[in-house]
Amino acid sequence: MDEKQIPYALLAKYLSRQCSIDEQEQVTRWLDEDPGHRLLLEKLRNQWEAVRVDTSEYVIPDKQMVWGKIQERIRHKVKQVPLYSRSLLVRVSSVAAMVALVLGFALSLLFYNPGESWQADQLENVIMAPPGQKTQLLLPDGTQVWLNSGSRLSYNYQYSTTDRVVNLEGEAFFDVKKDPQYPFIVKAGAVDVKVHGTAFNVSAYADEENIMVTLLRGKVSLLSAADQNILTYLSPDQIATVSKNNLSYRVDACDAEIESSWHHNLLKFEGMPVDEVWKKLERWYGVDITLANVDPSRAYWFTVKTESLTELLEMINKITPIDYRLNGKEVTIRYK
């Protein structure tokens, strides 16, 4: 099926029940041209109904805006959830309002002039988890994804029809739906993670020196993004640490449940060095932390559940005495 010949704007009007009689006849003729057209329409119908949006309240302007611009709302459900602090509920509500506003704006631009051309493979969906929050979504093939704080996931408009490739900046947990035809590939900077059906965690923040992949179940291969040479394979309860600079790596045994516990609303530390602990907490709460008088050999064992930042700091103060000062998103901590 030629992607360029698919009348997405017309199909969008058809699915939203805004077609004229002539346009309905155009859809009927298009469906009769190829049996695959009916399968595609049914798939689009399921994705459209998943978000249950009423488009009747939106104006249709004459602008070159196509179906691909709202794919992140049509092709999957996105759920914003707070990261374990009651004080963040107001912020989450603000994000939800922003998402609703963006969705309304995108829908108002959906139906463009059918005579205008566009390139489907140039469109991509982008999903982001703001600092201090995480995002849960379902990809078109049924793969579940959790995005950690400050992370970004993108994928091409043609996802699950020609490939299953996603791009990740930050950290995400994937529970991949099996598909014998298309392997699932996470492009995380210098490393590609390739699977068929499995559950794993990838951490690839821009400000980190290493890319870390943790396997919960199944099997994954890590490849060089530049030349597709295989670096290593992972088995369950293994973690690979890959240098961004030279792709040197090491594979260690781990408890994958603990390493990926953040997507279960928990943040577990089992003997983690102090610097790494504060880095994770910084992202967890969406703040900037400055440390002073830190013993780099110190390690921590504790779990964060629903504690606010202040409650967390008081808990750490009982473990290792600290002075701390909160100033908006700026947190200063000095060990006694």
Protein backbone atom coordinates (compact mmCIF):
# COMPACT_ATOMS: atom_id res chain seq x y z
CA MET A 1 0.00 0.00 0.00
CA ASP A 2 1.41 3.37 -1.02
CA GLU A 3 1.50 5.52 2.11
CA LYS A 4 1.29 8.70 0.05
CA GLN A 5 -2.02 7.61 -1.50
CA ILE A 6 -3.84 7.08 1.79
CA PRO A 7 -6.42 9.91 2.21
CA TYR A 8 -5.89 10.45 5.93
CA ALA A 9 -7.72 13.78 6.05
CA LEU A 10 -10.76 12.26 4.34
CA LEU A 11 -10.66 9.22 6.63
CA ALA A 12 -10.44 11.50 9.66
CA LYS A 13 -13.60 13.30 8.57
CA TYR A 14 -15.26 9.94 7.92
CA LEU A 15 -14.38 8.63 11.39
CA SER A 16 -15.63 11.83 13.02
CA ARG A 17 -18.88 11.60 10.99
CA GLN A 18 -18.35 14.93 9.27
CA CYS A 19 -18.24 13.69 5.67
CA SER A 20 -20.60 15.05 3.03
CA ILE A 21 -22.46 12.57 0.79
CA ASP A 22 -19.85 13.05 -1.93
CA GLU A 23 -17.02 12.46 0.55
CA GLN A 24 -18.71 9.30 1.83
CA GLU A 25 -18.81 8.03 -1.74
CA GLN A 26 -15.10 8.81 -2.10
CA VAL A 27 -14.38 6.70 0.99
CA THR A 28 -16.50 3.85 -0.39
CA ARG A 29 -14.60 3.91 -3.69
CA TRP A 30 -11.28 3.95 -1.86
CA LEU A 31 -12.31 0.97 0.28
CA ASP A 32 -13.25 -1.01 -2.83
CA GLU A 33 -9.86 -0.41 -4.46
CA ASP A 34 -7.89 -2.73 -2.17
CA PRO A 35 -8.86 -5.24 0.58
CA GLY A 36 -6.05 -3.79 2.66
CA HIS A 37 -7.86 -0.45 2.75
CA ARG A 38 -10.65 -1.89 4.88
CA LEU A 39 -8.14 -3.36 7.32
CA LEU A 40 -6.39 -0.01 7.61
CA LEU A 41 -9.67 1.84 8.17
CA GLU A 42 -10.66 -0.60 10.91
CA LYS A 43 -7.33 -0.10 12.62
CA LEU A 44 -7.69 3.67 12.43
CA ARG A 45 -11.25 3.41 13.72
CA ASN A 46 -10.07 1.51 16.80
CA GLN A 47 -7.36 4.07 17.44
CA TRP A 48 -9.77 6.96 16.93
CA GLU A 49 -12.35 5.53 19.32
CA ALA A 50 -9.65 4.91 21.94
CA VAL A 51 -9.54 8.61 22.77
CA ARG A 52 -13.31 9.19 22.47
CA VAL A 53 -12.97 12.78 21.31
CA ASP A 54 -15.94 14.86 20.15
CA THR A 55 -14.67 16.99 17.28
CA SER A 56 -17.92 18.80 16.68
CA GLU A 57 -16.94 21.71 18.94
CA TYR A 58 -13.84 22.57 16.92
CA VAL A 59 -13.58 24.88 13.93
CA ILE A 60 -11.95 23.55 10.77
CA PRO A 61 -9.60 26.21 9.39
CA ASP A 62 -7.90 26.17 6.01
CA LYS A 63 -4.40 25.13 7.13
CA GLN A 64 -1.93 22.46 6.13
CA MET A 65 -2.22 20.26 9.20
CA VAL A 66 -2.64 16.52 8.94
CA TRP A 67 -3.56 13.45 10.86
CA GLY A 68 0.01 12.83 11.98
CA LYS A 69 0.01 15.96 14.16
CA ILE A 70 -2.46 14.40 16.57
CA GLN A 71 -1.27 10.80 16.42
CA GLU A 72 -0.07 10.80 20.00
CA ARG A 73 -3.72 11.27 21.03
CA ILE A 74 -5.31 9.06 18.36
CA ARG A 75 -2.86 6.16 18.38
CA HIS A 76 -2.40 5.72 22.10
CA LYS A 77 -3.69 6.81 25.45
CA VAL A 78 -1.39 9.00 27.54
CA LYS A 79 -1.78 9.12 31.28
CA GLN A 80 0.00 11.70 33.45
CA VAL A 81 0.53 10.57 37.03
CA PRO A 82 2.15 12.36 39.97
CA LEU A 83 5.47 11.24 41.34
CA TYR A 84 4.53 10.41 44.88
CA SER A 85 3.94 13.77 46.49
CA ARG A 86 0.59 15.31 47.36
CA SER A 87 2.05 18.71 46.64
CA LEU A 88 2.43 17.69 43.00
CA LEU A 89 -1.30 17.17 42.46
CA VAL A 90 -1.76 20.80 41.50
CA ARG A 91 1.08 20.51 39.00
CA VAL A 92 -0.42 17.36 37.51
CA SER A 93 -3.76 19.11 37.11
CA SER A 94 -2.00 21.88 35.25
CA VAL A 95 -0.37 19.36 32.92
CA ALA A 96 -3.72 17.68 32.29
CA ALA A 97 -5.24 21.04 31.40
CA MET A 98 -2.36 21.76 29.06
CA VAL A 99 -2.79 18.38 27.34
CA ALA A 100 -6.49 19.08 26.85
CA LEU A 101 -5.70 22.49 25.37
CA VAL A 102 -3.10 21.05 22.99
CA LEU A 103 -5.50 18.31 21.92
CA GLY A 104 -8.24 20.81 21.19
CA PHE A 105 -5.87 22.97 19.15
CA ALA A 106 -4.58 19.95 17.19
CA LEU A 107 -8.08 18.78 16.38
CA SER A 108 -9.02 22.23 15.19
CA LEU A 109 -6.21 21.94 12.65
CA LEU A 110 -6.89 18.37 11.59
CA PHE A 111 -8.80 18.82 8.38
CA TYR A 112 -6.64 20.54 5.83
CA ASN A 113 -7.10 21.11 2.09
CA PRO A 114 -7.13 17.62 0.46
CA GLY A 115 -5.23 19.03 -2.50
CA GLU A 116 -2.16 19.77 -0.41
CA SER A 117 0.58 17.17 -0.34
CA TRP A 118 2.50 15.86 2.65
CA GLN A 119 5.10 13.25 3.53
CA ALA A 120 3.92 10.68 6.08
CA ASP A 121 7.38 9.44 6.99
CA GLN A 122 8.37 12.95 8.08
CA LEU A 123 5.79 13.00 10.85
CA GLU A 124 6.45 11.70 14.33
CA ASN A 125 4.69 11.45 17.65
CA VAL A 126 6.45 12.92 20.67
CA ILE A 127 5.57 12.13 24.29
CA MET A 128 7.30 13.83 27.19
CA ALA A 129 7.36 13.37 30.96
CA PRO A 130 7.95 16.76 32.63
CA PRO A 131 10.43 17.00 35.52
CA GLY A 132 8.97 15.55 38.70
CA GLN A 133 6.34 13.51 36.86
CA LYS A 134 6.08 10.37 34.79
CA THR A 135 3.96 9.38 31.82
CA GLN A 136 2.37 6.06 30.97
CA LEU A 137 1.28 5.25 27.43
CA LEU A 138 0.17 2.43 25.16
CA LEU A 139 1.75 2.24 21.72
CA PRO A 140 -0.38 1.22 18.69
CA ASP A 141 0.89 -2.38 18.81
CA GLY A 142 -0.08 -2.84 22.46
CA THR A 143 3.41 -2.24 23.90
CA GLN A 144 3.24 -0.50 27.29
CA VAL A 145 5.70 2.27 28.10
CA TRP A 146 6.41 4.19 31.28
CA LEU A 147 8.47 7.38 30.90
CA ASN A 148 10.42 8.60 33.90
CA SER A 149 10.83 12.23 34.93
CA GLY A 150 12.44 14.49 32.34
CA SER A 151 12.24 11.91 29.52
CA ARG A 152 11.17 12.08 25.88
CA LEU A 153 9.92 9.30 23.58
CA SER A 154 9.25 9.70 19.86
CA TYR A 155 8.26 7.37 17.05
CA ASN A 156 7.44 7.63 13.37
CA TYR A 157 3.90 7.97 12.10
CA GLN A 158 4.28 4.60 10.36
CA TYR A 159 5.03 2.75 13.61
CA SER A 160 3.66 -0.82 13.64
CA THR A 161 2.90 -0.70 9.92
CA THR A 162 6.47 -0.70 8.57
CA ASP A 163 8.59 -1.02 11.73
CA ARG A 164 8.55 -0.70 15.52
CA VAL A 165 11.29 1.83 16.23
CA VAL A 166 11.18 4.39 19.06
CA ASN A 167 13.67 7.06 20.08
CA LEU A 168 14.39 7.63 23.76
CA GLU A 169 16.00 10.46 25.64
CA GLY A 170 15.91 9.82 29.37
CA GLU A 171 14.57 6.70 31.07
CA ALA A 172 11.72 4.36 30.18
CA PHE A 173 10.41 0.93 31.09
CA PHE A 174 9.03 -1.12 28.21
CA ASP A 175 6.70 -4.11 28.33
CA VAL A 176 6.84 -5.12 24.67
CA LYS A 177 4.05 -6.86 22.77
CA LYS A 178 5.34 -9.78 20.71
CA ASP A 179 5.35 -9.32 16.95
CA PRO A 180 7.11 -11.96 14.80
CA GLN A 181 7.18 -9.59 11.82
CA TYR A 182 8.76 -6.49 13.35
CA PRO A 183 11.33 -6.48 16.17
CA PHE A 184 10.99 -3.69 18.72
CA ILE A 185 13.96 -1.31 18.68
CA VAL A 186 14.79 1.44 21.16
CA LYS A 187 17.27 3.95 19.77
CA ALA A 188 19.03 5.48 22.77
CA GLY A 189 21.80 7.65 21.41
CA ALA A 190 24.86 5.54 20.59
CA VAL A 191 23.07 2.28 21.43
CA ASP A 192 20.14 0.40 19.87
CA VAL A 193 18.25 -2.08 22.04
CA LYS A 194 16.56 -4.77 19.98
CA VAL A 195 13.87 -7.19 21.22
CA HIS A 196 10.85 -9.16 20.02
CA GLY A 197 8.77 -9.45 23.19
CA THR A 198 10.12 -8.73 26.63
CA ALA A 199 10.23 -6.29 29.55
CA PHE A 200 13.24 -4.09 30.16
CA ASN A 201 14.41 -0.69 31.40
CA VAL A 202 16.58 1.79 29.49
CA SER A 203 18.25 4.81 31.08
CA ALA A 204 19.84 7.21 28.58
CA TYR A 205 19.75 10.71 30.05
CA ALA A 206 21.71 13.31 28.11
CA ASP A 207 23.69 14.39 31.18
CA GLU A 208 24.83 10.85 32.04
CA GLU A 209 28.10 9.32 30.78
CA ASN A 210 26.60 5.85 30.38
CA ILE A 211 23.55 4.18 28.90
CA MET A 212 22.10 1.50 31.17
CA VAL A 213 19.82 -1.35 30.12
CA THR A 214 18.20 -3.69 32.64
CA LEU A 215 16.35 -6.83 31.60
CA LEU A 216 13.39 -8.09 33.59
CA ARG A 217 12.32 -10.95 31.32
CA GLY A 218 12.94 -12.24 27.81
CA LYS A 219 16.15 -11.44 25.94
CA VAL A 220 17.58 -8.31 24.35
CA SER A 221 20.58 -7.47 22.23
CA LEU A 222 22.54 -4.21 22.40
CA LEU A 223 23.93 -2.89 19.14
CA SER A 224 26.08 0.01 18.06
CA ALA A 225 23.75 2.58 16.52
CA ALA A 226 26.48 3.60 14.07
CA ASP A 227 27.24 0.26 12.41
CA GLN A 228 24.74 -2.20 13.98
CA ASN A 229 27.53 -4.38 15.38
CA ILE A 230 26.28 -6.42 18.34
CA LEU A 231 27.81 -5.31 21.63
CA THR A 232 26.25 -7.88 23.95
CA TYR A 233 23.15 -9.85 24.89
CA LEU A 234 21.27 -9.66 28.17
CA SER A 235 19.48 -12.36 30.14
CA PRO A 236 16.92 -11.68 32.90
CA ASP A 237 18.30 -9.94 36.01
CA GLN A 238 21.28 -8.52 34.17
CA ILE A 239 22.22 -4.88 33.68
CA ALA A 240 24.49 -3.54 30.94
CA THR A 241 26.38 -0.28 31.39
CA VAL A 242 27.60 1.14 28.07
CA SER A 243 29.93 4.13 27.75
CA LYS A 244 28.65 6.78 25.35
CA ASN A 245 32.20 7.76 24.45
CA ASN A 246 33.67 4.50 23.19
CA LEU A 247 30.87 1.90 23.59
CA SER A 248 32.89 -0.09 26.11
CA TYR A 249 30.50 -1.99 28.35
CA ARG A 250 30.13 -4.31 31.27
CA VAL A 251 27.33 -6.70 32.21
CA ASP A 252 26.48 -7.33 35.86
CA ALA A 253 23.93 -9.36 37.76
CA CYS A 254 21.19 -7.30 39.36
CA ASP A 255 17.69 -7.39 40.78
CA ALA A 256 15.78 -6.08 37.79
CA GLU A 257 12.65 -5.48 39.87
CA ILE A 258 14.58 -3.06 42.06
CA GLU A 259 16.32 -1.37 39.13
CA SER A 260 12.98 -0.69 37.43
CA SER A 261 10.85 -0.22 40.54
CA TRP A 262 10.20 3.44 39.70
CA HIS A 263 7.47 2.47 37.23
CA HIS A 264 5.62 0.77 40.11
CA ASN A 265 5.52 4.07 42.06
CA LEU A 266 8.51 3.05 44.15
CA LEU A 267 12.11 4.19 44.19
CA LYS A 268 14.34 1.63 45.88
CA PHE A 269 17.97 2.12 46.89
CA GLU A 270 19.94 -0.97 47.83
CA GLY A 271 23.46 0.14 48.70
CA MET A 272 23.54 2.86 46.03
CA PRO A 273 26.36 5.45 46.24
CA VAL A 274 25.31 8.80 47.65
CA ASP A 275 25.90 10.78 44.44
CA GLU A 276 23.68 8.45 42.41
CA VAL A 277 20.99 8.54 45.09
CA TRP A 278 20.73 12.32 45.01
CA LYS A 279 20.78 12.36 41.21
CA LYS A 280 17.77 10.04 41.10
CA LEU A 281 15.97 12.00 43.80
CA GLU A 282 16.63 15.20 41.87
CA ARG A 283 14.76 13.79 38.87
CA TRP A 284 12.14 12.13 41.04
CA TYR A 285 11.02 15.40 42.59
CA GLY A 286 11.84 17.68 39.66
CA VAL A 287 14.29 19.87 41.62
CA ASP A 288 17.92 20.98 41.44
CA ILE A 289 20.00 19.67 44.36
CA THR A 290 23.34 21.13 45.47
CA LEU A 291 25.42 19.01 47.85
CA ALA A 292 28.18 20.03 50.25
CA ASN A 293 30.52 18.11 52.57
CA VAL A 294 29.56 14.74 51.04
CA ASP A 295 31.45 11.54 51.79
CA PRO A 296 31.56 9.82 48.35
CA SER A 297 31.97 6.39 49.98
CA ARG A 298 28.59 6.65 51.67
CA ALA A 299 25.73 4.45 50.41
CA TYR A 300 22.01 4.27 51.18
CA TRP A 301 19.36 1.61 51.70
CA PHE A 302 15.79 2.93 51.71
CA THR A 303 12.60 3.14 49.63
CA VAL A 304 10.64 6.19 48.52
CA LYS A 305 6.89 5.65 48.22
CA THR A 306 4.53 8.60 48.62
CA GLU A 307 6.78 10.87 50.68
CA SER A 308 6.94 14.55 49.85
CA LEU A 309 10.38 16.08 49.36
CA THR A 310 10.34 17.54 52.88
CA GLU A 311 9.34 14.19 54.36
CA LEU A 312 12.13 12.52 52.38
CA LEU A 313 14.74 15.01 53.60
CA GLU A 314 13.65 14.50 57.20
CA MET A 315 13.94 10.74 56.73
CA ILE A 316 17.49 11.07 55.37
CA ASN A 317 18.33 13.45 58.20
CA LYS A 318 17.58 10.63 60.62
CA ILE A 319 19.90 8.28 58.72
CA THR A 320 22.75 10.73 58.17
CA PRO A 321 22.41 14.19 59.78
CA ILE A 322 22.08 16.98 57.21
CA ASP A 323 21.14 20.64 57.00
CA TYR A 324 18.90 21.51 54.08
CA ARG A 325 17.27 24.58 52.60
CA LEU A 326 14.41 24.66 50.09
CA ASN A 327 14.00 27.62 47.76
CA GLY A 328 11.43 26.80 45.10
CA LYS A 329 13.05 24.14 42.92
CA GLU A 330 16.47 24.83 44.40
CA VAL A 331 17.53 22.48 47.22
CA THR A 332 20.78 22.93 49.15
CA ILE A 333 22.00 20.06 51.32
CA ARG A 334 25.02 20.06 53.61
CA TYR A 335 26.14 17.00 55.52
CA LYS A 336 27.03 17.61 59.16
